[in-house]
Amino acid sequence: MLRVLVTRPEPGASRTARRLEGMGFQPLVLPLTETMALPVDAGAVPDTVAAVAITSANAVRHASRELMAVLSDLPCHAVGKRTAEAALKAGFLSVREGPGDAEALADSMAKAFSGKTILYLCGRVRFAAFEQRLETAGVGVHAAETYDTLAVRYSDEALLQRLSDRSVDVVLLYSAKAAAAMRDVANRSILNGYFEKTLFFALSSRVAAALDDSAGKPIRIAAQPDEEALLALLRGLP
């Protein structure tokens, strides 16, 4: 049975582990990042906001009740299925599920909201392309940073306890920050040779690039930046 290391933060890590078990793999959970809520002044939301955009389920999970009370009546545009589900659960009354890609979501919203302002529920750590595309198209973007993403540091003892003495076959990488943390884990002297034959599956080319000093390590990139495409790489293994 192939051993697959899941590096995403909770609660997603446990959810992915259950999916892997159902697929016939042996999951090991090692969250390399964690999310922390940030305060957002609900009173600072502009009256001119015409819609809300969300590219991460964490952004809405960490939104305060005060902020949601201000935003819930606005149309919400979510990047994909999982984010749309989180938005509905948080209290948005009207949610549109997007194409699964942040830049494609920006392109679709640019047509509908040119000359208007949207509120972007987001994390402090994020790629700028979504906002840049909208602003280039004449859409005003008010960013509300509801959470931060922090790297998780493990002691040598904790790593050995979680990984055991048998190497993993595949590592799943969901973010650039997690990939950078994975690079540091792989370079620990106590794990010398542990990842020598491991395959690394990355959600996107940006994530793969964060594993930049792992020359010689096989890295495969998902066809689309979502978990379905990432797990499809596993299904394609011989």
Protein backbone atom coordinates (compact mmCIF):
# COMPACT_ATOMS: atom_id res chain seq x y z
CA MET A 1 0.00 0.00 0.00
CA LEU A 2 1.46 3.36 -1.05
CA ARG A 3 2.11 5.80 1.79
CA VAL A 4 1.02 9.37 1.00
CA LEU A 5 2.06 12.38 3.09
CA VAL A 6 -0.60 15.11 3.42
CA THR A 7 0.91 18.52 4.21
CA ARG A 8 -2.14 20.80 4.10
CA PRO A 9 -3.50 22.41 7.29
CA GLU A 10 -6.43 21.10 9.29
CA PRO A 11 -9.33 20.59 8.91
CA GLY A 12 -8.53 19.87 5.26
CA ALA A 13 -5.71 17.44 6.09
CA SER A 14 -8.00 14.98 7.88
CA ARG A 15 -10.59 15.27 5.12
CA THR A 16 -7.95 14.44 2.50
CA ALA A 17 -6.68 11.55 4.62
CA ARG A 18 -10.16 10.00 4.63
CA ARG A 19 -10.35 10.33 0.85
CA LEU A 20 -6.96 8.67 0.46
CA GLU A 21 -8.02 5.75 2.64
CA GLY A 22 -11.08 5.31 0.45
CA MET A 23 -8.81 5.24 -2.60
CA GLY A 24 -6.68 2.47 -1.11
CA PHE A 25 -3.69 4.53 0.03
CA GLN A 26 -2.14 4.83 3.49
CA PRO A 27 -2.21 8.53 4.49
CA LEU A 28 0.14 10.21 6.91
CA VAL A 29 -0.89 13.66 8.13
CA LEU A 30 1.82 16.26 8.63
CA PRO A 31 0.35 19.79 8.37
CA LEU A 32 3.19 22.12 7.43
CA THR A 33 1.09 25.27 7.71
CA GLU A 34 -1.66 26.50 9.99
CA THR A 35 -4.14 29.34 9.66
CA MET A 36 -4.82 32.07 12.22
CA ALA A 37 -7.76 34.47 12.21
CA LEU A 38 -7.04 38.16 11.77
CA PRO A 39 -9.31 40.99 12.99
CA VAL A 40 -11.22 42.87 10.30
CA ASP A 41 -13.14 46.08 10.97
CA ALA A 42 -16.61 45.37 9.59
CA GLY A 43 -17.36 49.08 9.73
CA ALA A 44 -14.59 49.77 7.21
CA VAL A 45 -16.38 47.92 4.40
CA PRO A 46 -17.16 50.52 1.70
CA ASP A 47 -20.85 51.20 1.05
CA THR A 48 -20.12 50.93 -2.67
CA VAL A 49 -19.19 47.24 -2.58
CA ALA A 50 -21.24 45.38 -5.20
CA ALA A 51 -20.13 41.80 -4.57
CA VAL A 52 -17.79 39.55 -2.60
CA ALA A 53 -15.06 37.35 -4.05
CA ILE A 54 -13.49 34.35 -2.30
CA THR A 55 -10.60 32.26 -3.59
CA SER A 56 -9.98 30.28 -0.39
CA ALA A 57 -12.41 28.55 1.94
CA ASN A 58 -10.21 29.64 4.84
CA ALA A 59 -11.05 33.26 4.11
CA VAL A 60 -14.73 32.75 4.85
CA ARG A 61 -14.18 30.26 7.68
CA HIS A 62 -12.17 32.90 9.55
CA ALA A 63 -14.53 35.79 8.82
CA SER A 64 -16.10 37.16 12.00
CA ARG A 65 -19.85 37.17 12.61
CA GLU A 66 -19.78 40.97 12.52
CA LEU A 67 -18.19 40.95 9.09
CA MET A 68 -20.57 38.30 7.79
CA ALA A 69 -23.54 40.32 9.02
CA VAL A 70 -22.40 43.15 6.72
CA LEU A 71 -21.63 40.93 3.72
CA SER A 72 -24.15 38.07 3.72
CA ASP A 73 -26.73 39.82 1.54
CA LEU A 74 -24.20 40.60 -1.20
CA PRO A 75 -23.71 38.22 -4.13
CA CYS A 76 -20.71 35.99 -3.43
CA HIS A 77 -18.46 34.65 -6.18
CA ALA A 78 -16.44 31.63 -5.01
CA VAL A 79 -13.50 30.18 -6.90
CA GLY A 80 -14.82 26.60 -6.86
CA LYS A 81 -17.09 24.00 -5.29
CA ARG A 82 -15.41 23.65 -1.88
CA THR A 83 -15.19 27.41 -1.43
CA ALA A 84 -18.80 27.86 -2.51
CA GLU A 85 -19.91 25.29 0.07
CA ALA A 86 -17.96 27.11 2.79
CA ALA A 87 -19.55 30.43 1.76
CA LEU A 88 -23.07 29.02 2.00
CA LYS A 89 -22.28 27.44 5.38
CA ALA A 90 -20.97 30.80 6.64
CA GLY A 91 -24.25 32.52 5.78
CA PHE A 92 -24.02 34.00 2.28
CA LEU A 93 -27.48 33.96 0.74
CA SER A 94 -26.40 34.02 -2.92
CA VAL A 95 -23.27 32.11 -3.97
CA ARG A 96 -22.00 31.52 -7.49
CA GLU A 97 -19.54 28.67 -7.97
CA GLY A 98 -16.59 29.65 -10.15
CA PRO A 99 -14.39 27.71 -12.58
CA GLY A 100 -11.92 26.46 -9.95
CA ASP A 101 -9.10 28.83 -10.91
CA ALA A 102 -8.56 32.27 -9.33
CA GLU A 103 -7.43 34.00 -12.51
CA ALA A 104 -10.38 32.60 -14.47
CA LEU A 105 -12.69 33.84 -11.70
CA ALA A 106 -11.13 37.30 -11.99
CA ASP A 107 -11.73 37.30 -15.74
CA SER A 108 -15.39 36.40 -15.32
CA MET A 109 -15.95 38.99 -12.59
CA ALA A 110 -14.16 41.68 -14.59
CA LYS A 111 -16.91 41.56 -17.20
CA ALA A 112 -19.70 41.90 -14.65
CA PHE A 113 -18.18 44.49 -12.31
CA SER A 114 -16.14 46.86 -14.45
CA GLY A 115 -16.35 50.33 -12.90
CA LYS A 116 -17.59 48.89 -9.60
CA THR A 117 -15.97 47.81 -6.32
CA ILE A 118 -15.86 44.28 -4.93
CA LEU A 119 -14.72 43.05 -1.53
CA TYR A 120 -12.09 40.31 -1.64
CA LEU A 121 -12.14 38.01 1.40
CA CYS A 122 -8.59 36.70 1.48
CA GLY A 123 -5.52 35.74 3.48
CA ARG A 124 -2.52 37.89 4.26
CA VAL A 125 -0.35 35.47 2.25
CA ARG A 126 -1.69 35.29 -1.31
CA PHE A 127 -0.75 35.65 -4.96
CA ALA A 128 -1.39 39.07 -6.45
CA ALA A 129 -2.67 37.92 -9.85
CA PHE A 130 -6.36 37.85 -8.88
CA GLU A 131 -6.42 41.47 -7.69
CA GLN A 132 -4.18 42.67 -10.50
CA ARG A 133 -6.43 41.22 -13.20
CA LEU A 134 -9.51 42.87 -11.72
CA GLU A 135 -7.85 46.23 -11.21
CA THR A 136 -6.49 46.18 -14.77
CA ALA A 137 -10.06 45.64 -15.97
CA GLY A 138 -11.30 48.66 -14.03
CA VAL A 139 -12.71 46.82 -11.01
CA GLY A 140 -11.99 48.32 -7.60
CA VAL A 141 -10.82 45.70 -5.08
CA HIS A 142 -11.17 46.16 -1.32
CA ALA A 143 -9.13 43.38 0.34
CA ALA A 144 -10.32 42.10 3.73
CA GLU A 145 -7.58 39.86 5.16
CA THR A 146 -9.39 37.48 7.50
CA TYR A 147 -6.53 35.06 8.18
CA ASP A 148 -2.79 34.52 8.07
CA THR A 149 -0.88 31.37 7.10
CA LEU A 150 2.02 30.34 9.31
CA ALA A 151 4.59 27.60 8.87
CA VAL A 152 4.48 24.78 11.43
CA ARG A 153 7.80 23.78 12.92
CA TYR A 154 8.30 20.21 14.18
CA SER A 155 11.05 18.90 16.43
CA ASP A 156 13.09 15.95 15.17
CA GLU A 157 11.28 13.73 17.68
CA ALA A 158 7.85 14.86 16.47
CA LEU A 159 8.79 14.23 12.84
CA LEU A 160 10.01 10.71 13.58
CA GLN A 161 6.86 9.98 15.53
CA ARG A 162 4.60 11.10 12.69
CA LEU A 163 6.59 9.62 9.82
CA SER A 164 7.87 6.37 11.41
CA ASP A 165 10.94 4.61 10.03
CA ARG A 166 9.44 3.69 6.65
CA SER A 167 9.73 6.30 3.92
CA VAL A 168 6.69 7.80 2.18
CA ASP A 169 5.99 7.20 -1.48
CA VAL A 170 4.25 10.48 -2.34
CA VAL A 171 4.07 13.95 -0.79
CA LEU A 172 1.08 16.18 -1.59
CA LEU A 173 1.89 19.90 -1.64
CA TYR A 174 -0.95 22.43 -1.64
CA SER A 175 0.83 25.78 -1.14
CA ALA A 176 4.15 27.49 -1.74
CA LYS A 177 4.62 28.03 2.00
CA ALA A 178 4.07 24.33 2.68
CA ALA A 179 6.46 23.41 -0.14
CA ALA A 180 9.16 25.64 1.37
CA ALA A 181 8.57 24.00 4.75
CA MET A 182 8.75 20.58 3.09
CA ARG A 183 12.10 21.50 1.60
CA ASP A 184 13.40 22.22 5.10
CA VAL A 185 11.96 18.98 6.48
CA ALA A 186 13.55 16.94 3.70
CA ASN A 187 16.92 18.50 4.48
CA ARG A 188 16.87 17.54 8.17
CA SER A 189 19.89 15.40 8.94
CA ILE A 190 17.77 13.05 11.03
CA LEU A 191 15.77 12.23 7.86
CA ASN A 192 18.79 11.74 5.64
CA GLY A 193 17.73 9.52 2.73
CA TYR A 194 14.11 9.31 3.89
CA PHE A 195 12.73 11.13 0.84
CA GLU A 196 15.26 9.77 -1.64
CA LYS A 197 12.67 7.82 -3.67
CA THR A 198 9.64 9.98 -2.87
CA LEU A 199 7.46 11.55 -5.56
CA PHE A 200 6.31 15.13 -4.94
CA PHE A 201 2.90 16.17 -6.31
CA ALA A 202 2.27 19.94 -6.40
CA LEU A 203 -0.99 21.83 -6.84
CA SER A 204 0.59 24.31 -9.28
CA SER A 205 3.86 25.36 -10.85
CA ARG A 206 4.19 28.10 -8.19
CA VAL A 207 4.00 25.47 -5.48
CA ALA A 208 6.54 23.28 -7.27
CA ALA A 209 8.93 26.23 -7.59
CA ALA A 210 9.02 26.61 -3.80
CA LEU A 211 10.71 23.21 -3.64
CA ASP A 212 13.50 24.87 -5.61
CA ASP A 213 16.58 23.30 -4.07
CA SER A 214 15.31 19.73 -4.34
CA ALA A 215 17.11 19.12 -7.65
CA GLY A 216 16.71 15.55 -8.80
CA LYS A 217 13.49 14.95 -6.86
CA PRO A 218 10.59 14.01 -9.14
CA ILE A 219 7.92 16.73 -9.04
CA ARG A 220 4.61 16.40 -10.85
CA ILE A 221 2.15 19.27 -11.22
CA ALA A 222 -1.63 18.91 -11.19
CA ALA A 223 -3.40 19.69 -14.46
CA GLN A 224 -5.65 22.15 -12.59
CA PRO A 225 -4.98 23.91 -9.25
CA ASP A 226 -7.47 21.87 -7.24
CA GLU A 227 -7.43 18.72 -5.14
CA GLU A 228 -9.31 16.61 -7.68
CA ALA A 229 -6.50 17.14 -10.18
CA LEU A 230 -3.88 16.53 -7.51
CA LEU A 231 -5.44 13.20 -6.52
CA ALA A 232 -5.77 12.30 -10.19
CA LEU A 233 -1.98 12.14 -10.26
CA LEU A 234 -2.18 9.44 -7.59
CA ARG A 235 -4.73 7.48 -9.57
CA GLY A 236 -2.36 7.53 -12.53
CA LEU A 237 0.43 5.78 -10.64
CA PRO A 238 1.27 2.25 -11.81
